[in-house]
């Protein structure tokens, strides 16, 4: 009768894993990284875990559940000077700092999700500077191509560059005649495919059409106050984020030229030449 209540002196890896709330695979990993000494195997060649191993496993699980890395747990247990508690305290101090940083990151993610829900998923994915710039536009006023362009612009030129680019799309969304002209010029540029020679007269003709359109668009942006709003936004930004002397693009360690080359564009030689001609005409706002 009594023997039926006597716990086993040792348990298999499956029993040990079930007791501490993990898996046999996790225990094998603990052995591989030196976190838990591998116990001797029984006559059946299976690992057997006793009381001491189970206690250590419980501590490992509690520390891992608290977010302590397995390597740090191993180092704390490996301390032979009897100061394992101080090592754990040091690890916990570092962990708390990491959790504070993670909490701030999660808060930023939560804000981003709220912005996406409030402003629409695609507009909300843009930076706050850009999405706020577009907030007054009615839903559906921006096209998918507009948002795609803003996303690319923000990657290359940063939030302020995309904010300036947003002025173009605000003007197009609020001036149907400009939008119609934009579509016409874009279609003409797209027609400059690989079958069109670089010196084809149509290349210069389309460049001239781009010149006329950009001039008209720039005038609308100036008259509507969008350009002045951009200037004010730049001034306010640089008061808080002064640019360093060696500031380049907003692409981190990648400079502007390298970043532009990373983005593939399926433009024919004729279309590229058309873009060059438009730039040579010194058109304000040409992109």
C-alpha atoms as a PDB file:
ATOM      1  CA  UNK A   1       0.000   0.000   0.000  1.00  0.00           C
ATOM      2  CA  UNK A   2       2.717   2.442   1.049  1.00  0.00           C
ATOM      3  CA  UNK A   3       4.888   1.578  -1.944  1.00  0.00           C
ATOM      4  CA  UNK A   4       2.283   2.900  -4.319  1.00  0.00           C
ATOM      5  CA  UNK A   5       2.825   6.402  -2.894  1.00  0.00           C
ATOM      6  CA  UNK A   6       6.623   6.379  -2.918  1.00  0.00           C
ATOM      7  CA  UNK A   7       7.945   8.655  -5.695  1.00  0.00           C
ATOM      8  CA  UNK A   8      10.606   7.283  -8.017  1.00  0.00           C
ATOM      9  CA  UNK A   9      14.229   7.998  -7.158  1.00  0.00           C
ATOM     10  CA  UNK A  10      14.877   8.905 -10.776  1.00  0.00           C
ATOM     11  CA  UNK A  11      12.735   9.768 -13.799  1.00  0.00           C
ATOM     12  CA  UNK A  12      13.235   9.614 -17.556  1.00  0.00           C
ATOM     13  CA  UNK A  13      13.782  12.687 -19.702  1.00  0.00           C
ATOM     14  CA  UNK A  14      10.110  12.667 -20.665  1.00  0.00           C
ATOM     15  CA  UNK A  15       9.017  12.656 -17.049  1.00  0.00           C
ATOM     16  CA  UNK A  16      11.497  15.367 -16.102  1.00  0.00           C
ATOM     17  CA  UNK A  17      10.354  17.581 -18.986  1.00  0.00           C
ATOM     18  CA  UNK A  18       6.688  17.089 -18.122  1.00  0.00           C
ATOM     19  CA  UNK A  19       7.269  17.927 -14.464  1.00  0.00           C
ATOM     20  CA  UNK A  20       9.045  21.261 -15.129  1.00  0.00           C
ATOM     21  CA  UNK A  21       6.750  22.201 -17.999  1.00  0.00           C
ATOM     22  CA  UNK A  22       9.027  21.918 -20.989  1.00  0.00           C
ATOM     23  CA  UNK A  23       9.955  19.344 -23.630  1.00  0.00           C
ATOM     24  CA  UNK A  24      12.585  16.622 -23.919  1.00  0.00           C
ATOM     25  CA  UNK A  25      14.030  18.539 -26.841  1.00  0.00           C
ATOM     26  CA  UNK A  26      14.593  21.565 -24.580  1.00  0.00           C
ATOM     27  CA  UNK A  27      16.364  19.412 -22.011  1.00  0.00           C
ATOM     28  CA  UNK A  28      18.639  17.976 -24.682  1.00  0.00           C
ATOM     29  CA  UNK A  29      19.448  21.550 -25.718  1.00  0.00           C
ATOM     30  CA  UNK A  30      20.325  22.401 -22.105  1.00  0.00           C
ATOM     31  CA  UNK A  31      22.790  19.518 -22.143  1.00  0.00           C
ATOM     32  CA  UNK A  32      24.298  20.613 -25.455  1.00  0.00           C
ATOM     33  CA  UNK A  33      25.030  24.171 -24.304  1.00  0.00           C
ATOM     34  CA  UNK A  34      26.353  23.123 -20.921  1.00  0.00           C
ATOM     35  CA  UNK A  35      23.472  24.555 -18.939  1.00  0.00           C
ATOM     36  CA  UNK A  36      22.580  21.218 -17.358  1.00  0.00           C
ATOM     37  CA  UNK A  37      25.091  18.416 -16.875  1.00  0.00           C
ATOM     38  CA  UNK A  38      23.985  15.320 -18.670  1.00  0.00           C
ATOM     39  CA  UNK A  39      23.011  12.634 -16.141  1.00  0.00           C
ATOM     40  CA  UNK A  40      24.214   9.099 -16.298  1.00  0.00           C
ATOM     41  CA  UNK A  41      22.205   6.697 -18.358  1.00  0.00           C
ATOM     42  CA  UNK A  42      20.541   3.643 -16.900  1.00  0.00           C
ATOM     43  CA  UNK A  43      20.905   0.058 -18.034  1.00  0.00           C
ATOM     44  CA  UNK A  44      18.357   0.797 -20.743  1.00  0.00           C
ATOM     45  CA  UNK A  45      20.637   3.610 -22.063  1.00  0.00           C
ATOM     46  CA  UNK A  46      18.086   6.294 -21.129  1.00  0.00           C
ATOM     47  CA  UNK A  47      18.891   9.441 -19.183  1.00  0.00           C
ATOM     48  CA  UNK A  48      17.761   9.384 -15.570  1.00  0.00           C
ATOM     49  CA  UNK A  49      17.090  12.538 -13.576  1.00  0.00           C
ATOM     50  CA  UNK A  50      17.171  12.728  -9.800  1.00  0.00           C
ATOM     51  CA  UNK A  51      16.084  15.315  -7.250  1.00  0.00           C
ATOM     52  CA  UNK A  52      19.041  17.685  -7.733  1.00  0.00           C
ATOM     53  CA  UNK A  53      18.622  17.768 -11.489  1.00  0.00           C
ATOM     54  CA  UNK A  54      14.917  18.454 -11.125  1.00  0.00           C
ATOM     55  CA  UNK A  55      15.557  21.367  -8.765  1.00  0.00           C
ATOM     56  CA  UNK A  56      18.051  22.851 -11.179  1.00  0.00           C
ATOM     57  CA  UNK A  57      15.610  22.423 -14.027  1.00  0.00           C
ATOM     58  CA  UNK A  58      12.941  24.270 -12.071  1.00  0.00           C
ATOM     59  CA  UNK A  59      15.321  27.198 -11.473  1.00  0.00           C
ATOM     60  CA  UNK A  60      16.273  27.226 -15.144  1.00  0.00           C
ATOM     61  CA  UNK A  61      12.629  27.335 -16.194  1.00  0.00           C
ATOM     62  CA  UNK A  62      11.784  30.145 -13.767  1.00  0.00           C
ATOM     63  CA  UNK A  63      14.749  32.231 -14.907  1.00  0.00           C
ATOM     64  CA  UNK A  64      14.025  31.569 -18.582  1.00  0.00           C
ATOM     65  CA  UNK A  65      10.372  32.521 -18.085  1.00  0.00           C
ATOM     66  CA  UNK A  66      11.588  35.805 -16.577  1.00  0.00           C
ATOM     67  CA  UNK A  67      13.397  36.513 -19.837  1.00  0.00           C
ATOM     68  CA  UNK A  68      16.956  35.672 -18.811  1.00  0.00           C
ATOM     69  CA  UNK A  69      18.976  34.268 -21.699  1.00  0.00           C
ATOM     70  CA  UNK A  70      20.082  30.662 -21.399  1.00  0.00           C
ATOM     71  CA  UNK A  71      23.732  31.663 -21.778  1.00  0.00           C
ATOM     72  CA  UNK A  72      23.396  34.050 -18.830  1.00  0.00           C
ATOM     73  CA  UNK A  73      21.717  31.346 -16.746  1.00  0.00           C
ATOM     74  CA  UNK A  74      24.562  28.990 -17.550  1.00  0.00           C
ATOM     75  CA  UNK A  75      27.162  31.594 -16.566  1.00  0.00           C
ATOM     76  CA  UNK A  76      25.383  32.245 -13.279  1.00  0.00           C
ATOM     77  CA  UNK A  77      25.290  28.535 -12.415  1.00  0.00           C
ATOM     78  CA  UNK A  78      28.905  28.093 -13.497  1.00  0.00           C
ATOM     79  CA  UNK A  79      30.164  30.645 -10.942  1.00  0.00           C
ATOM     80  CA  UNK A  80      32.303  28.726  -8.507  1.00  0.00           C
ATOM     81  CA  UNK A  81      32.895  31.531  -6.001  1.00  0.00           C
ATOM     82  CA  UNK A  82      29.549  31.178  -4.280  1.00  0.00           C
ATOM     83  CA  UNK A  83      28.290  34.498  -5.682  1.00  0.00           C
ATOM     84  CA  UNK A  84      25.770  33.111  -8.114  1.00  0.00           C
ATOM     85  CA  UNK A  85      23.050  35.225  -6.517  1.00  0.00           C
ATOM     86  CA  UNK A  86      25.004  38.415  -7.272  1.00  0.00           C
ATOM     87  CA  UNK A  87      25.546  37.236 -10.819  1.00  0.00           C
ATOM     88  CA  UNK A  88      21.822  36.673 -11.201  1.00  0.00           C
ATOM     89  CA  UNK A  89      21.164  40.139  -9.751  1.00  0.00           C
ATOM     90  CA  UNK A  90      23.519  41.665 -12.296  1.00  0.00           C
ATOM     91  CA  UNK A  91      21.797  39.752 -15.060  1.00  0.00           C
ATOM     92  CA  UNK A  92      18.417  40.920 -13.810  1.00  0.00           C
ATOM     93  CA  UNK A  93      19.600  44.552 -13.835  1.00  0.00           C
ATOM     94  CA  UNK A  94      20.604  44.160 -17.462  1.00  0.00           C
ATOM     95  CA  UNK A  95      17.373  42.366 -18.259  1.00  0.00           C
ATOM     96  CA  UNK A  96      15.287  45.125 -16.696  1.00  0.00           C
ATOM     97  CA  UNK A  97      17.052  47.707 -18.851  1.00  0.00           C
ATOM     98  CA  UNK A  98      16.341  45.577 -21.899  1.00  0.00           C
ATOM     99  CA  UNK A  99      12.692  45.243 -20.918  1.00  0.00           C
ATOM    100  CA  UNK A 100      12.367  49.005 -20.487  1.00  0.00           C
ATOM    101  CA  UNK A 101      13.745  49.499 -23.981  1.00  0.00           C
ATOM    102  CA  UNK A 102      11.455  46.785 -25.312  1.00  0.00           C
ATOM    103  CA  UNK A 103       8.492  48.410 -23.583  1.00  0.00           C
ATOM    104  CA  UNK A 104       9.287  51.692 -25.337  1.00  0.00           C
ATOM    105  CA  UNK A 105       9.552  49.827 -28.637  1.00  0.00           C
ATOM    106  CA  UNK A 106       6.211  48.143 -28.048  1.00  0.00           C
ATOM    107  CA  UNK A 107       4.636  51.510 -27.263  1.00  0.00           C
ATOM    108  CA  UNK A 108       5.910  52.872 -30.573  1.00  0.00           C
ATOM    109  CA  UNK A 109       4.462  49.836 -32.327  1.00  0.00           C
ATOM    110  CA  UNK A 110       1.143  50.340 -30.578  1.00  0.00           C
ATOM    111  CA  UNK A 111       1.069  53.974 -31.683  1.00  0.00           C
ATOM    112  CA  UNK A 112       1.867  52.898 -35.252  1.00  0.00           C
ATOM    113  CA  UNK A 113      -0.980  50.370 -35.212  1.00  0.00           C
ATOM    114  CA  UNK A 114      -3.380  53.006 -33.882  1.00  0.00           C
ATOM    115  CA  UNK A 115      -2.264  55.410 -36.616  1.00  0.00           C
ATOM    116  CA  UNK A 116      -2.808  52.740 -39.256  1.00  0.00           C
ATOM    117  CA  UNK A 117      -6.302  52.021 -37.951  1.00  0.00           C
ATOM    118  CA  UNK A 118      -7.185  55.726 -37.751  1.00  0.00           C
ATOM    119  CA  UNK A 119      -5.751  56.827 -41.106  1.00  0.00           C
ATOM    120  CA  UNK A 120      -5.923  53.667 -43.153  1.00  0.00           C
ATOM    121  CA  UNK A 121      -3.402  50.901 -43.226  1.00  0.00           C
ATOM    122  CA  UNK A 122      -1.216  52.190 -46.067  1.00  0.00           C
ATOM    123  CA  UNK A 123      -1.197  55.870 -45.128  1.00  0.00           C
ATOM    124  CA  UNK A 124      -0.610  54.879 -41.515  1.00  0.00           C
ATOM    125  CA  UNK A 125       2.458  52.864 -42.512  1.00  0.00           C
ATOM    126  CA  UNK A 126       4.155  56.075 -43.572  1.00  0.00           C
ATOM    127  CA  UNK A 127       5.935  58.108 -40.931  1.00  0.00           C
ATOM    128  CA  UNK A 128       3.903  60.362 -38.693  1.00  0.00           C
ATOM    129  CA  UNK A 129       5.289  63.451 -40.439  1.00  0.00           C
ATOM    130  CA  UNK A 130       3.976  62.265 -43.806  1.00  0.00           C
ATOM    131  CA  UNK A 131       0.695  60.751 -42.636  1.00  0.00           C
ATOM    132  CA  UNK A 132      -0.184  63.949 -40.757  1.00  0.00           C
ATOM    133  CA  UNK A 133       0.544  65.890 -43.934  1.00  0.00           C
ATOM    134  CA  UNK A 134      -2.083  63.826 -45.763  1.00  0.00           C
ATOM    135  CA  UNK A 135      -4.629  63.747 -42.941  1.00  0.00           C
ATOM    136  CA  UNK A 136      -6.912  66.436 -44.406  1.00  0.00           C
ATOM    137  CA  UNK A 137      -7.369  64.678 -47.721  1.00  0.00           C
ATOM    138  CA  UNK A 138     -10.646  62.776 -48.122  1.00  0.00           C
ATOM    139  CA  UNK A 139     -10.497  58.999 -48.092  1.00  0.00           C
ATOM    140  CA  UNK A 140      -9.564  57.589 -51.468  1.00  0.00           C
ATOM    141  CA  UNK A 141      -8.081  60.869 -52.716  1.00  0.00           C
ATOM    142  CA  UNK A 142      -4.657  59.264 -52.998  1.00  0.00           C
ATOM    143  CA  UNK A 143      -3.940  56.535 -55.472  1.00  0.00           C
ATOM    144  CA  UNK A 144      -1.958  53.409 -54.765  1.00  0.00           C
ATOM    145  CA  UNK A 145       0.836  54.708 -57.012  1.00  0.00           C
ATOM    146  CA  UNK A 146       0.970  57.899 -54.930  1.00  0.00           C
ATOM    147  CA  UNK A 147       1.424  55.933 -51.723  1.00  0.00           C
ATOM    148  CA  UNK A 148       4.012  53.677 -53.354  1.00  0.00           C
ATOM    149  CA  UNK A 149       5.998  56.728 -54.433  1.00  0.00           C
ATOM    150  CA  UNK A 150       5.829  58.249 -50.952  1.00  0.00           C
ATOM    151  CA  UNK A 151       7.055  55.003 -49.437  1.00  0.00           C
ATOM    152  CA  UNK A 152      10.072  54.897 -51.767  1.00  0.00           C
ATOM    153  CA  UNK A 153      10.768  58.612 -51.280  1.00  0.00           C
ATOM    154  CA  UNK A 154      10.687  58.242 -47.516  1.00  0.00           C
ATOM    155  CA  UNK A 155      13.158  55.378 -47.688  1.00  0.00           C
ATOM    156  CA  UNK A 156      15.603  57.387 -49.803  1.00  0.00           C
ATOM    157  CA  UNK A 157      15.143  60.957 -48.600  1.00  0.00           C
ATOM    158  CA  UNK A 158      13.591  60.458 -45.174  1.00  0.00           C
ATOM    159  CA  UNK A 159      10.324  61.714 -43.723  1.00  0.00           C
ATOM    160  CA  UNK A 160      10.879  65.345 -44.674  1.00  0.00           C
ATOM    161  CA  UNK A 161      11.668  64.459 -48.275  1.00  0.00           C
ATOM    162  CA  UNK A 162       8.482  62.421 -48.463  1.00  0.00           C
ATOM    163  CA  UNK A 163       6.574  65.289 -46.825  1.00  0.00           C
ATOM    164  CA  UNK A 164       7.675  67.592 -49.636  1.00  0.00           C
ATOM    165  CA  UNK A 165       6.728  64.924 -52.165  1.00  0.00           C
ATOM    166  CA  UNK A 166       3.323  64.756 -50.484  1.00  0.00           C
ATOM    167  CA  UNK A 167       2.697  68.350 -51.599  1.00  0.00           C
ATOM    168  CA  UNK A 168       2.639  67.119 -55.181  1.00  0.00           C
ATOM    169  CA  UNK A 169       0.002  64.516 -54.441  1.00  0.00           C
ATOM    170  CA  UNK A 170      -2.067  66.921 -52.365  1.00  0.00           C
ATOM    171  CA  UNK A 171      -2.088  69.329 -55.305  1.00  0.00           C
ATOM    172  CA  UNK A 172      -2.995  66.531 -57.721  1.00  0.00           C
ATOM    173  CA  UNK A 173      -5.750  65.232 -55.443  1.00  0.00           C
ATOM    174  CA  UNK A 174      -7.310  68.687 -55.130  1.00  0.00           C
ATOM    175  CA  UNK A 175      -6.915  69.774 -58.772  1.00  0.00           C
ATOM    176  CA  UNK A 176      -8.541  67.285 -61.186  1.00  0.00           C
ATOM    177  CA  UNK A 177      -7.181  69.120 -64.209  1.00  0.00           C
ATOM    178  CA  UNK A 178      -3.628  68.675 -62.957  1.00  0.00           C
ATOM    179  CA  UNK A 179      -4.286  65.020 -62.254  1.00  0.00           C
ATOM    180  CA  UNK A 180      -5.523  64.597 -65.822  1.00  0.00           C
ATOM    181  CA  UNK A 181      -2.379  66.278 -67.186  1.00  0.00           C
ATOM    182  CA  UNK A 182      -0.220  64.136 -64.931  1.00  0.00           C
ATOM    183  CA  UNK A 183      -1.828  60.971 -66.247  1.00  0.00           C
ATOM    184  CA  UNK A 184      -1.370  62.130 -69.827  1.00  0.00           C
ATOM    185  CA  UNK A 185       2.350  62.890 -69.371  1.00  0.00           C
ATOM    186  CA  UNK A 186       2.922  59.660 -67.448  1.00  0.00           C
ATOM    187  CA  UNK A 187       1.290  57.672 -70.245  1.00  0.00           C
ATOM    188  CA  UNK A 188       3.494  59.419 -72.806  1.00  0.00           C
ATOM    189  CA  UNK A 189       6.591  58.603 -70.764  1.00  0.00           C
ATOM    190  CA  UNK A 190       5.530  54.995 -70.386  1.00  0.00           C
ATOM    191  CA  UNK A 191       5.171  54.762 -74.153  1.00  0.00           C
ATOM    192  CA  UNK A 192       8.901  55.455 -74.450  1.00  0.00           C
ATOM    193  CA  UNK A 193       9.667  51.763 -74.171  1.00  0.00           C
ATOM    194  CA  UNK A 194      12.589  49.713 -75.457  1.00  0.00           C
ATOM    195  CA  UNK A 195      11.317  49.994 -79.033  1.00  0.00           C
ATOM    196  CA  UNK A 196      11.941  53.776 -79.018  1.00  0.00           C
ATOM    197  CA  UNK A 197      15.437  55.014 -79.878  1.00  0.00           C
ATOM    198  CA  UNK A 198      17.145  57.443 -77.541  1.00  0.00           C
ATOM    199  CA  UNK A 199      17.370  60.072 -80.303  1.00  0.00           C
ATOM    200  CA  UNK A 200      13.746  59.650 -81.348  1.00  0.00           C
ATOM    201  CA  UNK A 201      12.069  63.080 -81.586  1.00  0.00           C
ATOM    202  CA  UNK A 202       9.325  61.859 -79.254  1.00  0.00           C
ATOM    203  CA  UNK A 203      11.832  61.755 -76.380  1.00  0.00           C
ATOM    204  CA  UNK A 204      12.441  65.507 -76.489  1.00  0.00           C
ATOM    205  CA  UNK A 205       8.748  66.128 -77.108  1.00  0.00           C
ATOM    206  CA  UNK A 206       7.703  64.221 -73.984  1.00  0.00           C
ATOM    207  CA  UNK A 207      10.436  65.969 -71.993  1.00  0.00           C
ATOM    208  CA  UNK A 208       8.874  69.252 -73.021  1.00  0.00           C
ATOM    209  CA  UNK A 209       5.466  68.030 -71.895  1.00  0.00           C
ATOM    210  CA  UNK A 210       6.971  67.082 -68.530  1.00  0.00           C
ATOM    211  CA  UNK A 211       8.481  70.594 -68.366  1.00  0.00           C
ATOM    212  CA  UNK A 212       5.123  72.233 -68.962  1.00  0.00           C
ATOM    213  CA  UNK A 213       3.364  70.023 -66.441  1.00  0.00           C
ATOM    214  CA  UNK A 214       5.970  70.469 -63.708  1.00  0.00           C
ATOM    215  CA  UNK A 215       5.909  74.232 -64.190  1.00  0.00           C
ATOM    216  CA  UNK A 216       2.131  74.279 -63.812  1.00  0.00           C
ATOM    217  CA  UNK A 217       2.227  71.969 -60.809  1.00  0.00           C
ATOM    218  CA  UNK A 218       4.922  74.026 -59.095  1.00  0.00           C
ATOM    219  CA  UNK A 219       2.849  77.170 -59.588  1.00  0.00           C
ATOM    220  CA  UNK A 220      -0.171  75.525 -57.949  1.00  0.00           C
ATOM    221  CA  UNK A 221       1.958  74.349 -55.018  1.00  0.00           C
ATOM    222  CA  UNK A 222       3.276  77.877 -54.536  1.00  0.00           C
ATOM    223  CA  UNK A 223      -0.152  79.547 -54.788  1.00  0.00           C
ATOM    224  CA  UNK A 224      -1.813  77.081 -52.432  1.00  0.00           C
ATOM    225  CA  UNK A 225       0.696  77.648 -49.645  1.00  0.00           C
ATOM    226  CA  UNK A 226       1.932  74.067 -49.730  1.00  0.00           C
ATOM    227  CA  UNK A 227       5.514  75.169 -50.402  1.00  0.00           C
ATOM    228  CA  UNK A 228       5.437  77.581 -47.443  1.00  0.00           C
ATOM    229  CA  UNK A 229       4.122  74.781 -45.252  1.00  0.00           C
ATOM    230  CA  UNK A 230       7.039  72.623 -46.348  1.00  0.00           C
ATOM    231  CA  UNK A 231       9.510  75.374 -45.478  1.00  0.00           C
ATOM    232  CA  UNK A 232       7.966  75.802 -42.039  1.00  0.00           C
ATOM    233  CA  UNK A 233       8.059  72.072 -41.466  1.00  0.00           C
ATOM    234  CA  UNK A 234      11.749  71.952 -42.378  1.00  0.00           C
ATOM    235  CA  UNK A 235      12.549  74.817 -39.999  1.00  0.00           C
ATOM    236  CA  UNK A 236      10.638  73.194 -37.140  1.00  0.00           C
ATOM    237  CA  UNK A 237      12.261  69.832 -37.771  1.00  0.00           C
ATOM    238  CA  UNK A 238      15.832  71.131 -37.796  1.00  0.00           C
ATOM    239  CA  UNK A 239      15.288  73.092 -34.613  1.00  0.00           C
ATOM    240  CA  UNK A 240      14.735  69.742 -32.879  1.00  0.00           C
ATOM    241  CA  UNK A 241      16.942  67.561 -35.134  1.00  0.00           C
ATOM    242  CA  UNK A 242      19.933  69.651 -36.238  1.00  0.00           C
ATOM    243  CA  UNK A 243      21.707  68.010 -39.135  1.00  0.00           C
ATOM    244  CA  UNK A 244      25.295  66.907 -38.464  1.00  0.00           C
ATOM    245  CA  UNK A 245      28.080  68.318 -40.628  1.00  0.00           C
ATOM    246  CA  UNK A 246      28.396  65.079 -42.568  1.00  0.00           C
ATOM    247  CA  UNK A 247      24.665  64.427 -42.859  1.00  0.00           C
ATOM    248  CA  UNK A 248      23.632  62.609 -46.004  1.00  0.00           C
ATOM    249  CA  UNK A 249      20.411  60.800 -46.691  1.00  0.00           C
ATOM    250  CA  UNK A 250      18.105  59.237 -44.127  1.00  0.00           C
ATOM    251  CA  UNK A 251      19.257  55.751 -45.061  1.00  0.00           C
ATOM    252  CA  UNK A 252      21.486  55.036 -42.101  1.00  0.00           C
ATOM    253  CA  UNK A 253      24.961  53.872 -43.095  1.00  0.00           C
ATOM    254  CA  UNK A 254      23.976  53.679 -46.769  1.00  0.00           C
ATOM    255  CA  UNK A 255      24.528  56.896 -48.687  1.00  0.00           C
ATOM    256  CA  UNK A 256      21.984  58.409 -51.043  1.00  0.00           C
ATOM    257  CA  UNK A 257      23.584  57.266 -54.296  1.00  0.00           C
ATOM    258  CA  UNK A 258      23.934  53.694 -53.061  1.00  0.00           C
ATOM    259  CA  UNK A 259      20.331  53.629 -51.877  1.00  0.00           C
ATOM    260  CA  UNK A 260      19.001  54.924 -55.190  1.00  0.00           C
ATOM    261  CA  UNK A 261      20.947  52.212 -57.018  1.00  0.00           C
ATOM    262  CA  UNK A 262      19.419  49.555 -54.778  1.00  0.00           C
ATOM    263  CA  UNK A 263      15.884  50.391 -55.944  1.00  0.00           C
ATOM    264  CA  UNK A 264      15.167  48.815 -59.344  1.00  0.00           C
ATOM    265  CA  UNK A 265      13.338  50.874 -61.947  1.00  0.00           C
ATOM    266  CA  UNK A 266      12.244  49.326 -65.227  1.00  0.00           C
ATOM    267  CA  UNK A 267      12.960  52.391 -67.355  1.00  0.00           C
ATOM    268  CA  UNK A 268      13.996  52.106 -70.980  1.00  0.00           C
ATOM    269  CA  UNK A 269      17.025  54.081 -72.254  1.00  0.00           C
ATOM    270  CA  UNK A 270      14.627  56.404 -74.090  1.00  0.00           C
ATOM    271  CA  UNK A 271      12.683  57.140 -70.922  1.00  0.00           C
ATOM    272  CA  UNK A 272      15.867  57.741 -68.944  1.00  0.00           C
ATOM    273  CA  UNK A 273      17.005  60.180 -71.618  1.00  0.00           C
ATOM    274  CA  UNK A 274      13.641  61.917 -71.383  1.00  0.00           C
ATOM    275  CA  UNK A 275      14.137  62.332 -67.646  1.00  0.00           C
ATOM    276  CA  UNK A 276      17.613  63.756 -68.227  1.00  0.00           C
ATOM    277  CA  UNK A 277      16.265  66.284 -70.709  1.00  0.00           C
ATOM    278  CA  UNK A 278      13.570  67.351 -68.251  1.00  0.00           C
ATOM    279  CA  UNK A 279      16.206  67.903 -65.569  1.00  0.00           C
ATOM    280  CA  UNK A 280      18.336  69.875 -67.976  1.00  0.00           C
ATOM    281  CA  UNK A 281      15.381  72.201 -68.451  1.00  0.00           C
ATOM    282  CA  UNK A 282      15.716  72.998 -64.731  1.00  0.00           C
ATOM    283  CA  UNK A 283      12.106  72.303 -63.954  1.00  0.00           C
ATOM    284  CA  UNK A 284      11.158  73.053 -60.325  1.00  0.00           C
ATOM    285  CA  UNK A 285      10.022  69.928 -58.508  1.00  0.00           C
ATOM    286  CA  UNK A 286      11.080  67.444 -61.204  1.00  0.00           C
ATOM    287  CA  UNK A 287      11.600  63.981 -59.731  1.00  0.00           C
END
